[in-house]
C-alpha atoms as a PDB file:
ATOM      1  CA  MET A   1     219.888  75.287  10.794  1.00  0.00           C
ATOM      2  CA  LYS A   2     216.533  75.250   9.051  1.00  0.00           C
ATOM      3  CA  LYS A   3     213.671  73.961  11.262  1.00  0.00           C
ATOM      4  CA  ILE A   4     210.959  71.651   9.908  1.00  0.00           C
ATOM      5  CA  LEU A   5     207.815  70.770  11.825  1.00  0.00           C
ATOM      6  CA  LEU A   6     206.930  67.209  10.859  1.00  0.00           C
ATOM      7  CA  VAL A   7     203.332  66.299  11.637  1.00  0.00           C
ATOM      8  CA  GLU A   8     202.968  62.586  11.047  1.00  0.00           C
ATOM      9  CA  ASN A   9     200.889  59.987  12.957  1.00  0.00           C
ATOM     10  CA  ASP A  10     202.836  56.898  11.685  1.00  0.00           C
ATOM     11  CA  PRO A  11     205.719  56.414  14.224  1.00  0.00           C
ATOM     12  CA  GLY A  12     207.918  54.483  11.705  1.00  0.00           C
ATOM     13  CA  LEU A  13     207.478  56.945   8.965  1.00  0.00           C
ATOM     14  CA  ASN A  14     208.005  59.822  11.415  1.00  0.00           C
ATOM     15  CA  ASP A  15     211.316  58.432  12.542  1.00  0.00           C
ATOM     16  CA  ALA A  16     212.507  57.505   9.076  1.00  0.00           C
ATOM     17  CA  VAL A  17     211.722  60.958   7.582  1.00  0.00           C
ATOM     18  CA  THR A  18     213.320  62.649  10.657  1.00  0.00           C
ATOM     19  CA  CYS A  19     216.508  60.624  10.285  1.00  0.00           C
ATOM     20  CA  VAL A  20     216.782  61.491   6.575  1.00  0.00           C
ATOM     21  CA  LEU A  21     216.107  65.175   7.100  1.00  0.00           C
ATOM     22  CA  GLN A  22     218.384  65.449  10.020  1.00  0.00           C
ATOM     23  CA  SER A  23     221.213  63.781   8.031  1.00  0.00           C
ATOM     24  CA  SER A  24     220.620  66.464   5.346  1.00  0.00           C
ATOM     25  CA  GLY A  25     221.123  69.260   7.918  1.00  0.00           C
ATOM     26  CA  PHE A  26     217.630  70.124   8.953  1.00  0.00           C
ATOM     27  CA  ASP A  27     216.431  70.542  12.506  1.00  0.00           C
ATOM     28  CA  VAL A  28     213.264  68.374  12.733  1.00  0.00           C
ATOM     29  CA  ILE A  29     210.563  68.848  15.317  1.00  0.00           C
ATOM     30  CA  GLN A  30     208.264  65.745  15.377  1.00  0.00           C
ATOM     31  CA  SER A  31     204.621  65.857  16.278  1.00  0.00           C
ATOM     32  CA  ARG A  32     202.080  63.095  16.113  1.00  0.00           C
ATOM     33  CA  VAL A  33     199.115  65.399  16.647  1.00  0.00           C
ATOM     34  CA  ASN A  34     198.054  68.513  14.807  1.00  0.00           C
ATOM     35  CA  GLN A  35     199.357  71.660  16.410  1.00  0.00           C
ATOM     36  CA  THR A  36     197.384  74.812  17.148  1.00  0.00           C
ATOM     37  CA  VAL A  37     198.397  77.963  15.337  1.00  0.00           C
ATOM     38  CA  GLU A  38     199.817  79.396  18.580  1.00  0.00           C
ATOM     39  CA  GLN A  39     201.953  76.244  19.111  1.00  0.00           C
ATOM     40  CA  ILE A  40     203.241  76.503  15.556  1.00  0.00           C
ATOM     41  CA  HIS A  41     204.095  80.135  16.046  1.00  0.00           C
ATOM     42  CA  GLN A  42     206.062  79.267  19.183  1.00  0.00           C
ATOM     43  CA  ILE A  43     207.970  76.488  17.382  1.00  0.00           C
ATOM     44  CA  ASP A  44     208.744  78.933  14.551  1.00  0.00           C
ATOM     45  CA  PRO A  45     209.438  76.374  11.776  1.00  0.00           C
ATOM     46  CA  GLN A  46     210.677  77.445   8.358  1.00  0.00           C
ATOM     47  CA  LEU A  47     208.464  74.714   6.803  1.00  0.00           C
ATOM     48  CA  ILE A  48     205.632  72.282   7.892  1.00  0.00           C
ATOM     49  CA  LEU A  49     205.472  68.798   6.481  1.00  0.00           C
ATOM     50  CA  LEU A  50     201.900  67.769   7.268  1.00  0.00           C
ATOM     51  CA  ASN A  51     200.165  64.410   6.799  1.00  0.00           C
ATOM     52  CA  ASN A  52     196.718  65.011   5.396  1.00  0.00           C
ATOM     53  CA  ALA A  53     195.367  61.821   7.033  1.00  0.00           C
ATOM     54  CA  MET A  54     195.932  62.631  10.654  1.00  0.00           C
ATOM     55  CA  ASN A  55     193.832  60.868  13.377  1.00  0.00           C
ATOM     56  CA  THR A  56     192.696  64.028  15.103  1.00  0.00           C
ATOM     57  CA  ARG A  57     191.841  66.346  12.228  1.00  0.00           C
ATOM     58  CA  PRO A  58     192.376  66.354   8.445  1.00  0.00           C
ATOM     59  CA  GLY A  59     195.602  68.068   7.472  1.00  0.00           C
ATOM     60  CA  ASP A  60     193.904  70.149   4.818  1.00  0.00           C
ATOM     61  CA  GLU A  61     191.759  71.770   7.532  1.00  0.00           C
ATOM     62  CA  VAL A  62     194.850  72.442   9.659  1.00  0.00           C
ATOM     63  CA  CYS A  63     196.634  73.858   6.526  1.00  0.00           C
ATOM     64  CA  LEU A  64     193.781  76.343   5.930  1.00  0.00           C
ATOM     65  CA  GLU A  65     193.968  77.478   9.539  1.00  0.00           C
ATOM     66  CA  ILE A  66     197.678  77.974   9.236  1.00  0.00           C
ATOM     67  CA  LYS A  67     197.412  79.865   5.995  1.00  0.00           C
ATOM     68  CA  ASN A  68     194.554  82.018   7.226  1.00  0.00           C
ATOM     69  CA  HIS A  69     196.306  83.169  10.434  1.00  0.00           C
ATOM     70  CA  PRO A  70     198.591  86.284  10.304  1.00  0.00           C
ATOM     71  CA  LEU A  71     201.208  84.638  12.630  1.00  0.00           C
ATOM     72  CA  THR A  72     201.690  81.500  10.485  1.00  0.00           C
ATOM     73  CA  LYS A  73     200.505  82.310   6.924  1.00  0.00           C
ATOM     74  CA  HIS A  74     204.075  82.883   5.733  1.00  0.00           C
ATOM     75  CA  ILE A  75     205.174  79.364   6.593  1.00  0.00           C
ATOM     76  CA  PRO A  76     205.308  76.946   3.635  1.00  0.00           C
ATOM     77  CA  VAL A  77     203.091  73.869   4.137  1.00  0.00           C
ATOM     78  CA  ILE A  78     203.709  70.708   2.236  1.00  0.00           C
ATOM     79  CA  LEU A  79     200.916  68.142   2.588  1.00  0.00           C
ATOM     80  CA  THR A  80     201.567  64.427   2.322  1.00  0.00           C
ATOM     81  CA  THR A  81     198.573  62.592   0.859  1.00  0.00           C
ATOM     82  CA  LEU A  82     197.569  59.383  -0.813  1.00  0.00           C
ATOM     83  CA  MET A  83     197.362  59.468  -4.564  1.00  0.00           C
ATOM     84  CA  THR A  84     193.649  58.657  -4.466  1.00  0.00           C
ATOM     85  CA  LYS A  85     192.999  61.693  -2.241  1.00  0.00           C
ATOM     86  CA  TYR A  86     195.256  64.160  -4.040  1.00  0.00           C
ATOM     87  CA  GLU A  87     192.710  65.860  -6.317  1.00  0.00           C
ATOM     88  CA  SER A  88     190.097  66.479  -3.593  1.00  0.00           C
ATOM     89  CA  VAL A  89     192.792  67.759  -1.242  1.00  0.00           C
ATOM     90  CA  ALA A  90     194.370  70.033  -3.864  1.00  0.00           C
ATOM     91  CA  ASP A  91     191.059  71.674  -4.596  1.00  0.00           C
ATOM     92  CA  ASN A  92     190.318  72.396  -0.985  1.00  0.00           C
ATOM     93  CA  THR A  93     193.536  73.701   0.599  1.00  0.00           C
ATOM     94  CA  CYS A  94     196.030  76.427   0.565  1.00  0.00           C
ATOM     95  CA  ALA A  95     199.028  74.090   0.734  1.00  0.00           C
ATOM     96  CA  ASP A  96     202.156  75.361  -0.980  1.00  0.00           C
ATOM     97  CA  ASP A  97     202.863  71.866  -2.352  1.00  0.00           C
ATOM     98  CA  PHE A  98     202.037  68.156  -2.046  1.00  0.00           C
ATOM     99  CA  ILE A  99     203.935  64.977  -1.757  1.00  0.00           C
ATOM    100  CA  ILE A 100     202.034  61.892  -3.023  1.00  0.00           C
ATOM    101  CA  MET A 101     202.461  58.858  -0.890  1.00  0.00           C
ATOM    102  CA  PRO A 102     204.175  56.515  -1.144  1.00  0.00           C
ATOM    103  CA  PHE A 103     207.007  58.934  -1.913  1.00  0.00           C
ATOM    104  CA  ASN A 104     210.631  58.932  -2.798  1.00  0.00           C
ATOM    105  CA  ILE A 105     212.828  60.429  -0.063  1.00  0.00           C
ATOM    106  CA  ALA A 106     215.042  62.326  -2.576  1.00  0.00           C
ATOM    107  CA  ASP A 107     211.951  63.869  -4.272  1.00  0.00           C
ATOM    108  CA  MET A 108     210.670  64.862  -0.800  1.00  0.00           C
ATOM    109  CA  GLU A 109     213.948  66.520   0.076  1.00  0.00           C
ATOM    110  CA  GLN A 110     214.062  68.335  -3.238  1.00  0.00           C
ATOM    111  CA  LYS A 111     210.633  69.813  -2.701  1.00  0.00           C
ATOM    112  CA  ILE A 112     211.546  70.935   0.780  1.00  0.00           C
ATOM    113  CA  ARG A 113     214.596  72.712  -0.475  1.00  0.00           C
ATOM    114  CA  CYS A 114     212.518  74.552  -2.954  1.00  0.00           C
ATOM    115  CA  TYR A 115     210.784  76.366   0.007  1.00  0.00           C
ATOM    116  CA  ILE A 116     213.628  76.747   2.492  1.00  0.00           C
END
């Protein structure tokens, strides 16, 4: 089973996305805080779905850290971001892809399947 690390600070969205992805056959590890590179390496996800607007630290900074570390640089990262923030985030990160919020669940699942 493919493992996804879902980093989302909205509990309702976290649970809804988890439910949909689990019903599609993915193993979802939820987190409401940004993980360190070492924690991510221990979880060993095949993909990270990361909210750019986290409370503790912006997702684009976390993404850069993930992509610049030899233990995690191979893991695809998809950032979720608001339409108004997309261009500034896209210019300043190494994310593999983006999902513009609000998003369609089917579109999200299709993007995920492109990477795992």
